[in-house]
Amino acid sequence: MAALYACTKCHQRFPFEALSQGQQLCKECRIAHPVVKCTYCRTEYQQESKTNTICKKCAQNVQLYGTPKPCQYCNIIAAFIGNKCQRCTNSEKKYGPPYSCEQCKQQCAFDRKDDRKKVDGKLLCWLCTLSYKRVLQKTKEQRKHLSSSSRAGHQEKEQYSRLSGGGHYNSQKTLSTSSIQNEIPKKKSKFESITTNGDSFSPDLALDSPGTDHFVIIAQLKEEVATLKKMLHQKDQMILEKEKKITELKADFQYQESQMRAKMNQMEKTHKEVTEQLQVTDSAYFMC
């Protein structure tokens, strides 16, 4: 049995492949708590609820210093103290005054004096660096997916050609030759004229069509692609139905939980009223 690993949010156990990289979250937790950007500092964080639009650090700074102002360098609304955000303040202390970003043209790029830390040799600000790296990562993933799919298709084609290259090609050759034997007498004079000129030409070799085997392979590959698309559509429908059922079960559970809480509150209220009445009765009895 394969080892199971706990989700860092709901603590339920899943296979390692079902958890996300880095944060180790299951599918339901990834949907319920997506990774979003903070409204103020623009850093990515795990959203606890849909109403929560700022990260924990900015929430603490809002409580301490109030609503932030735009930074005079990067224009990010994260200047809680003074006119500069904490990121630009630290970078200015470490690397000196900012330079113009080669992408957004704002005066918010800090030169680290190290070409290895530049993005393709460009001096970019923090936001442009994140966007550039994100685009590069998506491009690499798309190229990797395309190369793997094309490699798999090429391997399948080679395997099929090896399996069907012997008997299938000979049968196609026999069929093509037998089907056009009626046309050989019409072209016999042409072949005889070529033979009389000293060239050894074989009508059977001329009338064979090696391309027919490729057409058969292409047709079969198209059928396989159509079958896989149909299977993928069926899988998607099954997943949608399961997600719908899960949503309905969650809604039912929440409704039952709310009903149970209301019932408990009502019982607690009734118990409190009965207790108060008994206390009043006891006090009146002792007074008499």
C-alpha atoms as a PDB file:
ATOM      1  CA  MET A   1       0.000   0.000   0.000  1.00  0.00           C
ATOM      2  CA  ALA A   2       1.321   3.445  -0.976  1.00  0.00           C
ATOM      3  CA  ALA A   3       2.249   5.872   1.788  1.00  0.00           C
ATOM      4  CA  LEU A   4      -0.240   8.635   2.591  1.00  0.00           C
ATOM      5  CA  TYR A   5       0.689  12.190   3.546  1.00  0.00           C
ATOM      6  CA  ALA A   6      -1.308  14.741   5.546  1.00  0.00           C
ATOM      7  CA  CYS A   7      -2.623  17.961   4.041  1.00  0.00           C
ATOM      8  CA  THR A   8      -1.228  20.968   5.902  1.00  0.00           C
ATOM      9  CA  LYS A   9      -4.681  22.569   6.071  1.00  0.00           C
ATOM     10  CA  CYS A  10      -7.317  19.895   6.760  1.00  0.00           C
ATOM     11  CA  HIS A  11      -4.803  17.268   8.019  1.00  0.00           C
ATOM     12  CA  GLN A  12      -6.463  14.495   6.013  1.00  0.00           C
ATOM     13  CA  ARG A  13      -4.185  11.945   4.360  1.00  0.00           C
ATOM     14  CA  PHE A  14      -3.725  11.692   0.597  1.00  0.00           C
ATOM     15  CA  PRO A  15      -1.181  10.215  -1.837  1.00  0.00           C
ATOM     16  CA  PHE A  16       1.862  12.401  -2.381  1.00  0.00           C
ATOM     17  CA  GLU A  17       0.873  13.127  -6.003  1.00  0.00           C
ATOM     18  CA  ALA A  18      -2.486  14.587  -4.873  1.00  0.00           C
ATOM     19  CA  LEU A  19      -0.808  17.293  -2.750  1.00  0.00           C
ATOM     20  CA  SER A  20       0.453  20.574  -4.169  1.00  0.00           C
ATOM     21  CA  GLN A  21       4.141  21.348  -4.330  1.00  0.00           C
ATOM     22  CA  GLY A  22       5.573  23.502  -1.574  1.00  0.00           C
ATOM     23  CA  GLN A  23       2.484  24.013   0.579  1.00  0.00           C
ATOM     24  CA  GLN A  24       1.325  20.363   0.471  1.00  0.00           C
ATOM     25  CA  LEU A  25      -2.392  21.109   0.120  1.00  0.00           C
ATOM     26  CA  CYS A  26      -5.098  18.766  -1.133  1.00  0.00           C
ATOM     27  CA  LYS A  27      -7.422  19.645  -3.996  1.00  0.00           C
ATOM     28  CA  GLU A  28     -10.310  20.790  -1.795  1.00  0.00           C
ATOM     29  CA  CYS A  29      -8.055  23.049   0.275  1.00  0.00           C
ATOM     30  CA  ARG A  30      -6.511  24.508  -2.872  1.00  0.00           C
ATOM     31  CA  ILE A  31     -10.002  25.393  -4.097  1.00  0.00           C
ATOM     32  CA  ALA A  32     -11.190  26.691  -0.728  1.00  0.00           C
ATOM     33  CA  HIS A  33      -7.950  28.590   0.017  1.00  0.00           C
ATOM     34  CA  PRO A  34      -6.427  29.752  -3.299  1.00  0.00           C
ATOM     35  CA  VAL A  35      -3.128  31.596  -3.622  1.00  0.00           C
ATOM     36  CA  VAL A  36      -3.888  35.285  -4.274  1.00  0.00           C
ATOM     37  CA  LYS A  37      -2.016  38.576  -4.233  1.00  0.00           C
ATOM     38  CA  CYS A  38      -2.238  40.957  -1.319  1.00  0.00           C
ATOM     39  CA  THR A  39      -4.103  44.167  -2.133  1.00  0.00           C
ATOM     40  CA  TYR A  40      -1.389  46.259  -0.496  1.00  0.00           C
ATOM     41  CA  CYS A  41       2.067  44.688  -0.779  1.00  0.00           C
ATOM     42  CA  ARG A  42       1.221  42.481  -3.852  1.00  0.00           C
ATOM     43  CA  THR A  43       2.865  39.387  -2.374  1.00  0.00           C
ATOM     44  CA  GLU A  44       1.199  35.999  -2.826  1.00  0.00           C
ATOM     45  CA  TYR A  45      -0.407  34.376   0.200  1.00  0.00           C
ATOM     46  CA  GLN A  46      -2.898  31.634   1.105  1.00  0.00           C
ATOM     47  CA  GLN A  47      -6.366  33.183   1.294  1.00  0.00           C
ATOM     48  CA  GLU A  48      -8.262  32.132   4.408  1.00  0.00           C
ATOM     49  CA  SER A  49     -11.627  33.529   3.272  1.00  0.00           C
ATOM     50  CA  LYS A  50     -13.018  35.409   0.276  1.00  0.00           C
ATOM     51  CA  THR A  51     -13.449  38.576   2.338  1.00  0.00           C
ATOM     52  CA  ASN A  52      -9.785  38.520   3.343  1.00  0.00           C
ATOM     53  CA  THR A  53      -7.886  40.421   0.635  1.00  0.00           C
ATOM     54  CA  ILE A  54      -4.683  41.369   2.484  1.00  0.00           C
ATOM     55  CA  CYS A  55      -1.937  39.216   3.934  1.00  0.00           C
ATOM     56  CA  LYS A  56      -1.340  38.753   7.659  1.00  0.00           C
ATOM     57  CA  LYS A  57       1.639  41.102   7.755  1.00  0.00           C
ATOM     58  CA  CYS A  58      -0.284  43.941   6.120  1.00  0.00           C
ATOM     59  CA  ALA A  59      -3.252  43.264   8.413  1.00  0.00           C
ATOM     60  CA  GLN A  60      -0.984  43.718  11.440  1.00  0.00           C
ATOM     61  CA  ASN A  61       0.493  46.906   9.963  1.00  0.00           C
ATOM     62  CA  VAL A  62      -3.005  48.288   9.293  1.00  0.00           C
ATOM     63  CA  GLN A  63      -3.899  47.772  12.948  1.00  0.00           C
ATOM     64  CA  LEU A  64      -0.665  49.461  14.057  1.00  0.00           C
ATOM     65  CA  TYR A  65      -0.220  52.293  11.514  1.00  0.00           C
ATOM     66  CA  GLY A  66      -3.527  52.598   9.654  1.00  0.00           C
ATOM     67  CA  THR A  67      -4.186  52.542   5.905  1.00  0.00           C
ATOM     68  CA  PRO A  68      -0.957  52.668   3.861  1.00  0.00           C
ATOM     69  CA  LYS A  69      -0.016  55.209   1.186  1.00  0.00           C
ATOM     70  CA  PRO A  70       1.528  54.595  -2.267  1.00  0.00           C
ATOM     71  CA  CYS A  71       5.297  54.168  -2.224  1.00  0.00           C
ATOM     72  CA  GLN A  72       7.163  57.054  -3.863  1.00  0.00           C
ATOM     73  CA  TYR A  73       9.349  54.596  -5.782  1.00  0.00           C
ATOM     74  CA  CYS A  74       7.272  51.579  -6.859  1.00  0.00           C
ATOM     75  CA  ASN A  75       3.758  53.095  -6.367  1.00  0.00           C
ATOM     76  CA  ILE A  76       2.672  49.973  -4.463  1.00  0.00           C
ATOM     77  CA  ILE A  77       0.185  50.880  -1.733  1.00  0.00           C
ATOM     78  CA  ALA A  78       2.351  49.579   1.080  1.00  0.00           C
ATOM     79  CA  ALA A  79       3.969  52.664   2.649  1.00  0.00           C
ATOM     80  CA  PHE A  80       2.824  52.299   6.249  1.00  0.00           C
ATOM     81  CA  ILE A  81       5.658  54.390   7.682  1.00  0.00           C
ATOM     82  CA  GLY A  82       6.804  57.462   5.730  1.00  0.00           C
ATOM     83  CA  ASN A  83       6.584  57.652   1.933  1.00  0.00           C
ATOM     84  CA  LYS A  84       8.366  54.394   1.069  1.00  0.00           C
ATOM     85  CA  CYS A  85       7.342  50.763   1.435  1.00  0.00           C
ATOM     86  CA  GLN A  86       9.430  48.424   3.558  1.00  0.00           C
ATOM     87  CA  ARG A  87      10.785  46.583   0.515  1.00  0.00           C
ATOM     88  CA  CYS A  88      12.086  49.739  -1.168  1.00  0.00           C
ATOM     89  CA  THR A  89      13.427  51.062   2.150  1.00  0.00           C
ATOM     90  CA  ASN A  90      15.470  47.914   2.764  1.00  0.00           C
ATOM     91  CA  SER A  91      16.695  47.764  -0.859  1.00  0.00           C
ATOM     92  CA  GLU A  92      17.755  51.423  -0.762  1.00  0.00           C
ATOM     93  CA  LYS A  93      19.754  50.858   2.417  1.00  0.00           C
ATOM     94  CA  LYS A  94      21.443  47.789   0.927  1.00  0.00           C
ATOM     95  CA  TYR A  95      21.945  48.720  -2.758  1.00  0.00           C
ATOM     96  CA  GLY A  96      21.683  52.498  -2.900  1.00  0.00           C
ATOM     97  CA  PRO A  97      19.228  54.700  -4.833  1.00  0.00           C
ATOM     98  CA  PRO A  98      16.916  53.064  -7.383  1.00  0.00           C
ATOM     99  CA  TYR A  99      17.298  53.068 -11.163  1.00  0.00           C
ATOM    100  CA  SER A 100      14.762  53.060 -13.967  1.00  0.00           C
ATOM    101  CA  CYS A 101      13.185  49.656 -14.605  1.00  0.00           C
ATOM    102  CA  GLU A 102      13.749  48.477 -18.179  1.00  0.00           C
ATOM    103  CA  GLN A 103      10.202  47.115 -18.357  1.00  0.00           C
ATOM    104  CA  CYS A 104       7.812  49.546 -16.616  1.00  0.00           C
ATOM    105  CA  LYS A 105      10.192  52.560 -16.812  1.00  0.00           C
ATOM    106  CA  GLN A 106       9.554  53.485 -13.167  1.00  0.00           C
ATOM    107  CA  GLN A 107      12.348  54.593 -10.856  1.00  0.00           C
ATOM    108  CA  CYS A 108      12.083  51.494  -8.662  1.00  0.00           C
ATOM    109  CA  ALA A 109      14.754  49.002  -9.827  1.00  0.00           C
ATOM    110  CA  PHE A 110      17.716  48.450  -7.501  1.00  0.00           C
ATOM    111  CA  ASP A 111      21.055  47.395  -8.958  1.00  0.00           C
ATOM    112  CA  ARG A 112      22.483  44.514  -6.936  1.00  0.00           C
ATOM    113  CA  LYS A 113      25.864  44.739  -8.703  1.00  0.00           C
ATOM    114  CA  ASP A 114      25.534  41.078  -9.649  1.00  0.00           C
ATOM    115  CA  ASP A 115      24.628  40.039 -13.204  1.00  0.00           C
ATOM    116  CA  ARG A 116      23.594  36.589 -12.010  1.00  0.00           C
ATOM    117  CA  LYS A 117      20.681  38.113 -10.079  1.00  0.00           C
ATOM    118  CA  LYS A 118      19.399  39.961 -13.129  1.00  0.00           C
ATOM    119  CA  VAL A 119      16.658  38.497 -15.306  1.00  0.00           C
ATOM    120  CA  ASP A 120      18.215  37.742 -18.708  1.00  0.00           C
ATOM    121  CA  GLY A 121      20.652  40.587 -18.103  1.00  0.00           C
ATOM    122  CA  LYS A 122      17.867  43.148 -17.575  1.00  0.00           C
ATOM    123  CA  LEU A 123      17.555  45.486 -14.613  1.00  0.00           C
ATOM    124  CA  LEU A 124      13.933  45.033 -13.505  1.00  0.00           C
ATOM    125  CA  CYS A 125      11.925  46.065 -10.491  1.00  0.00           C
ATOM    126  CA  TRP A 126      10.388  43.572  -8.099  1.00  0.00           C
ATOM    127  CA  LEU A 127       6.966  43.378  -9.765  1.00  0.00           C
ATOM    128  CA  CYS A 128       8.367  43.126 -13.287  1.00  0.00           C
ATOM    129  CA  THR A 129      10.805  40.424 -12.144  1.00  0.00           C
ATOM    130  CA  LEU A 130       7.943  38.313 -10.786  1.00  0.00           C
ATOM    131  CA  SER A 131       5.884  38.788 -13.962  1.00  0.00           C
ATOM    132  CA  TYR A 132       8.864  37.963 -16.190  1.00  0.00           C
ATOM    133  CA  LYS A 133       9.715  34.804 -14.257  1.00  0.00           C
ATOM    134  CA  ARG A 134       6.069  33.729 -14.282  1.00  0.00           C
ATOM    135  CA  VAL A 135       5.909  34.097 -18.080  1.00  0.00           C
ATOM    136  CA  LEU A 136       9.163  32.163 -18.490  1.00  0.00           C
ATOM    137  CA  GLN A 137       7.864  29.357 -16.270  1.00  0.00           C
ATOM    138  CA  LYS A 138       4.624  29.089 -18.246  1.00  0.00           C
ATOM    139  CA  THR A 139       6.577  29.040 -21.527  1.00  0.00           C
ATOM    140  CA  LYS A 140       8.843  26.263 -20.242  1.00  0.00           C
ATOM    141  CA  GLU A 141       5.857  24.204 -19.099  1.00  0.00           C
ATOM    142  CA  GLN A 142       4.113  24.613 -22.460  1.00  0.00           C
ATOM    143  CA  ARG A 143       7.264  23.618 -24.364  1.00  0.00           C
ATOM    144  CA  LYS A 144       7.769  20.624 -22.091  1.00  0.00           C
ATOM    145  CA  HIS A 145       4.162  19.524 -22.604  1.00  0.00           C
ATOM    146  CA  LEU A 146       4.406  19.921 -26.384  1.00  0.00           C
ATOM    147  CA  SER A 147       7.714  18.071 -26.585  1.00  0.00           C
ATOM    148  CA  SER A 148       6.458  15.195 -24.425  1.00  0.00           C
ATOM    149  CA  SER A 149       3.235  14.874 -26.440  1.00  0.00           C
ATOM    150  CA  SER A 150       5.067  14.974 -29.777  1.00  0.00           C
ATOM    151  CA  ARG A 151       7.620  12.441 -28.509  1.00  0.00           C
ATOM    152  CA  ALA A 152       4.857  10.113 -27.346  1.00  0.00           C
ATOM    153  CA  GLY A 153       3.064  10.402 -30.688  1.00  0.00           C
ATOM    154  CA  HIS A 154       6.277   9.693 -32.576  1.00  0.00           C
ATOM    155  CA  GLN A 155       6.972   6.616 -30.448  1.00  0.00           C
ATOM    156  CA  GLU A 156       3.459   5.315 -30.983  1.00  0.00           C
ATOM    157  CA  LYS A 157       3.801   5.826 -34.730  1.00  0.00           C
ATOM    158  CA  GLU A 158       7.146   4.006 -34.833  1.00  0.00           C
ATOM    159  CA  GLN A 159       5.773   1.144 -32.750  1.00  0.00           C
ATOM    160  CA  TYR A 160       2.752   0.795 -34.981  1.00  0.00           C
ATOM    161  CA  SER A 161       4.892   0.914 -38.128  1.00  0.00           C
ATOM    162  CA  ARG A 162       7.143  -1.825 -36.730  1.00  0.00           C
ATOM    163  CA  LEU A 163       4.179  -4.013 -35.845  1.00  0.00           C
ATOM    164  CA  SER A 164       2.318  -3.497 -39.100  1.00  0.00           C
ATOM    165  CA  GLY A 165       5.274  -3.044 -41.427  1.00  0.00           C
ATOM    166  CA  GLY A 166       5.517  -6.734 -42.454  1.00  0.00           C
ATOM    167  CA  GLY A 167       2.268  -8.441 -43.316  1.00  0.00           C
ATOM    168  CA  HIS A 168       0.129  -5.312 -43.540  1.00  0.00           C
ATOM    169  CA  TYR A 169       2.296  -3.598 -46.089  1.00  0.00           C
ATOM    170  CA  ASN A 170       2.506  -6.783 -48.223  1.00  0.00           C
ATOM    171  CA  SER A 171      -1.276  -7.153 -48.152  1.00  0.00           C
ATOM    172  CA  GLN A 172      -1.689  -3.519 -49.187  1.00  0.00           C
ATOM    173  CA  LYS A 173       0.845  -4.071 -51.951  1.00  0.00           C
ATOM    174  CA  THR A 174      -1.010  -7.171 -53.240  1.00  0.00           C
ATOM    175  CA  LEU A 175      -4.350  -5.379 -53.152  1.00  0.00           C
ATOM    176  CA  SER A 176      -3.045  -2.310 -54.934  1.00  0.00           C
ATOM    177  CA  THR A 177      -1.337  -4.420 -57.598  1.00  0.00           C
ATOM    178  CA  SER A 178      -4.370  -6.644 -58.219  1.00  0.00           C
ATOM    179  CA  SER A 179      -6.743  -3.684 -58.339  1.00  0.00           C
ATOM    180  CA  ILE A 180      -4.887  -1.958 -61.153  1.00  0.00           C
ATOM    181  CA  GLN A 181      -3.964  -4.928 -63.296  1.00  0.00           C
ATOM    182  CA  ASN A 182      -6.719  -3.919 -65.715  1.00  0.00           C
ATOM    183  CA  GLU A 183      -4.919  -0.658 -66.412  1.00  0.00           C
ATOM    184  CA  ILE A 184      -1.565  -2.287 -67.214  1.00  0.00           C
ATOM    185  CA  PRO A 185      -2.407  -3.086 -70.881  1.00  0.00           C
ATOM    186  CA  LYS A 186      -3.304   0.543 -71.489  1.00  0.00           C
ATOM    187  CA  LYS A 187       0.089   1.672 -70.256  1.00  0.00           C
ATOM    188  CA  LYS A 188       1.990  -1.293 -71.729  1.00  0.00           C
ATOM    189  CA  SER A 189       3.121   0.606 -74.762  1.00  0.00           C
ATOM    190  CA  LYS A 190       4.649   3.262 -72.562  1.00  0.00           C
ATOM    191  CA  PHE A 191       6.508   0.676 -70.480  1.00  0.00           C
ATOM    192  CA  GLU A 192       7.678  -1.105 -73.657  1.00  0.00           C
ATOM    193  CA  SER A 193       8.993   2.150 -75.069  1.00  0.00           C
ATOM    194  CA  ILE A 194      10.916   2.769 -71.868  1.00  0.00           C
ATOM    195  CA  THR A 195      12.301  -0.808 -71.955  1.00  0.00           C
ATOM    196  CA  THR A 196      13.367  -0.479 -75.570  1.00  0.00           C
ATOM    197  CA  ASN A 197      15.389   2.606 -74.672  1.00  0.00           C
ATOM    198  CA  GLY A 198      17.583   0.407 -72.468  1.00  0.00           C
ATOM    199  CA  ASP A 199      16.059   1.186 -69.058  1.00  0.00           C
ATOM    200  CA  SER A 200      14.945  -1.740 -66.924  1.00  0.00           C
ATOM    201  CA  PHE A 201      11.543  -0.623 -65.524  1.00  0.00           C
ATOM    202  CA  SER A 202       9.151  -2.836 -63.579  1.00  0.00           C
ATOM    203  CA  PRO A 203       5.422  -1.965 -63.780  1.00  0.00           C
ATOM    204  CA  ASP A 204       4.790  -3.705 -60.463  1.00  0.00           C
ATOM    205  CA  LEU A 205       7.297  -1.457 -58.709  1.00  0.00           C
ATOM    206  CA  ALA A 206       5.921   1.632 -60.396  1.00  0.00           C
ATOM    207  CA  LEU A 207       2.341   0.867 -59.475  1.00  0.00           C
ATOM    208  CA  ASP A 208       3.040   0.084 -55.805  1.00  0.00           C
ATOM    209  CA  SER A 209       2.114   2.951 -53.502  1.00  0.00           C
ATOM    210  CA  PRO A 210       4.169   3.017 -50.290  1.00  0.00           C
ATOM    211  CA  GLY A 211       2.114   6.008 -49.091  1.00  0.00           C
ATOM    212  CA  THR A 212      -0.952   3.845 -48.473  1.00  0.00           C
ATOM    213  CA  ASP A 213       0.630   2.479 -45.303  1.00  0.00           C
ATOM    214  CA  HIS A 214       1.059   6.018 -43.993  1.00  0.00           C
ATOM    215  CA  PHE A 215      -2.577   6.828 -44.720  1.00  0.00           C
ATOM    216  CA  VAL A 216      -3.635   3.784 -42.701  1.00  0.00           C
ATOM    217  CA  ILE A 217      -1.415   4.856 -39.791  1.00  0.00           C
ATOM    218  CA  ILE A 218      -2.796   8.410 -39.906  1.00  0.00           C
ATOM    219  CA  ALA A 219      -6.371   7.114 -39.970  1.00  0.00           C
ATOM    220  CA  GLN A 220      -5.753   4.851 -36.998  1.00  0.00           C
ATOM    221  CA  LEU A 221      -4.063   7.655 -35.058  1.00  0.00           C
ATOM    222  CA  LYS A 222      -7.055   9.895 -35.740  1.00  0.00           C
ATOM    223  CA  GLU A 223      -9.367   7.208 -34.430  1.00  0.00           C
ATOM    224  CA  GLU A 224      -7.217   6.844 -31.299  1.00  0.00           C
ATOM    225  CA  VAL A 225      -7.263  10.612 -30.753  1.00  0.00           C
ATOM    226  CA  ALA A 226     -11.056  10.680 -31.120  1.00  0.00           C
ATOM    227  CA  THR A 227     -11.370   7.793 -28.642  1.00  0.00           C
ATOM    228  CA  LEU A 228      -9.091   9.501 -26.133  1.00  0.00           C
ATOM    229  CA  LYS A 229     -11.046  12.753 -26.466  1.00  0.00           C
ATOM    230  CA  LYS A 230     -14.266  10.878 -25.828  1.00  0.00           C
ATOM    231  CA  MET A 231     -12.766   9.178 -22.754  1.00  0.00           C
ATOM    232  CA  LEU A 232     -11.458  12.543 -21.504  1.00  0.00           C
ATOM    233  CA  HIS A 233     -14.908  14.079 -21.909  1.00  0.00           C
ATOM    234  CA  GLN A 234     -16.453  11.202 -19.961  1.00  0.00           C
ATOM    235  CA  LYS A 235     -13.865  11.601 -17.194  1.00  0.00           C
ATOM    236  CA  ASP A 236     -14.595  15.339 -17.020  1.00  0.00           C
ATOM    237  CA  GLN A 237     -18.306  14.638 -16.718  1.00  0.00           C
ATOM    238  CA  MET A 238     -17.657  12.136 -13.918  1.00  0.00           C
ATOM    239  CA  ILE A 239     -15.470  14.656 -12.076  1.00  0.00           C
ATOM    240  CA  LEU A 240     -18.130  17.357 -12.434  1.00  0.00           C
ATOM    241  CA  GLU A 241     -20.802  15.028 -11.112  1.00  0.00           C
ATOM    242  CA  LYS A 242     -18.636  14.058  -8.141  1.00  0.00           C
ATOM    243  CA  GLU A 243     -17.825  17.683  -7.361  1.00  0.00           C
ATOM    244  CA  LYS A 244     -21.528  18.525  -7.584  1.00  0.00           C
ATOM    245  CA  LYS A 245     -22.359  15.688  -5.215  1.00  0.00           C
ATOM    246  CA  ILE A 246     -19.636  16.803  -2.802  1.00  0.00           C
ATOM    247  CA  THR A 247     -21.006  20.353  -2.880  1.00  0.00           C
ATOM    248  CA  GLU A 248     -24.515  19.091  -2.165  1.00  0.00           C
ATOM    249  CA  LEU A 249     -23.247  16.968   0.740  1.00  0.00           C
ATOM    250  CA  LYS A 250     -21.363  19.933   2.171  1.00  0.00           C
ATOM    251  CA  ALA A 251     -24.443  22.138   1.892  1.00  0.00           C
ATOM    252  CA  ASP A 252     -26.565  19.448   3.579  1.00  0.00           C
ATOM    253  CA  PHE A 253     -23.994  19.068   6.342  1.00  0.00           C
ATOM    254  CA  GLN A 254     -23.871  22.820   6.929  1.00  0.00           C
ATOM    255  CA  TYR A 255     -27.669  22.989   7.043  1.00  0.00           C
ATOM    256  CA  GLN A 256     -27.866  20.132   9.540  1.00  0.00           C
ATOM    257  CA  GLU A 257     -25.127  21.722  11.622  1.00  0.00           C
ATOM    258  CA  SER A 258     -26.961  25.066  11.686  1.00  0.00           C
ATOM    259  CA  GLN A 259     -30.194  23.321  12.653  1.00  0.00           C
ATOM    260  CA  MET A 260     -28.404  21.457  15.426  1.00  0.00           C
ATOM    261  CA  ARG A 261     -26.857  24.656  16.732  1.00  0.00           C
ATOM    262  CA  ALA A 262     -30.239  26.424  16.676  1.00  0.00           C
ATOM    263  CA  LYS A 263     -31.798  23.522  18.540  1.00  0.00           C
ATOM    264  CA  MET A 264     -29.029  23.552  21.144  1.00  0.00           C
ATOM    265  CA  ASN A 265     -29.401  27.299  21.604  1.00  0.00           C
ATOM    266  CA  GLN A 266     -33.138  26.911  22.036  1.00  0.00           C
ATOM    267  CA  MET A 267     -32.649  24.128  24.591  1.00  0.00           C
ATOM    268  CA  GLU A 268     -30.101  26.231  26.447  1.00  0.00           C
ATOM    269  CA  LYS A 269     -32.478  29.177  26.451  1.00  0.00           C
ATOM    270  CA  THR A 270     -35.370  27.002  27.718  1.00  0.00           C
ATOM    271  CA  HIS A 271     -33.164  25.517  30.420  1.00  0.00           C
ATOM    272  CA  LYS A 272     -32.109  28.986  31.511  1.00  0.00           C
ATOM    273  CA  GLU A 273     -35.717  30.170  31.708  1.00  0.00           C
ATOM    274  CA  VAL A 274     -36.759  27.096  33.731  1.00  0.00           C
ATOM    275  CA  THR A 275     -33.838  27.638  36.094  1.00  0.00           C
ATOM    276  CA  GLU A 276     -34.758  31.281  36.609  1.00  0.00           C
ATOM    277  CA  GLN A 277     -38.382  30.333  37.314  1.00  0.00           C
ATOM    278  CA  LEU A 278     -37.274  27.752  39.875  1.00  0.00           C
ATOM    279  CA  GLN A 279     -35.035  30.305  41.551  1.00  0.00           C
ATOM    280  CA  VAL A 280     -37.918  32.784  41.763  1.00  0.00           C
ATOM    281  CA  THR A 281     -40.197  30.078  43.193  1.00  0.00           C
ATOM    282  CA  ASP A 282     -37.583  29.069  45.748  1.00  0.00           C
ATOM    283  CA  SER A 283     -36.984  32.646  46.838  1.00  0.00           C
ATOM    284  CA  ALA A 284     -40.740  33.252  47.223  1.00  0.00           C
ATOM    285  CA  TYR A 285     -41.080  30.057  49.228  1.00  0.00           C
ATOM    286  CA  PHE A 286     -38.272  30.975  51.623  1.00  0.00           C
ATOM    287  CA  MET A 287     -39.711  34.458  52.081  1.00  0.00           C
ATOM    288  CA  CYS A 288     -43.009  33.002  53.172  1.00  0.00           C
END
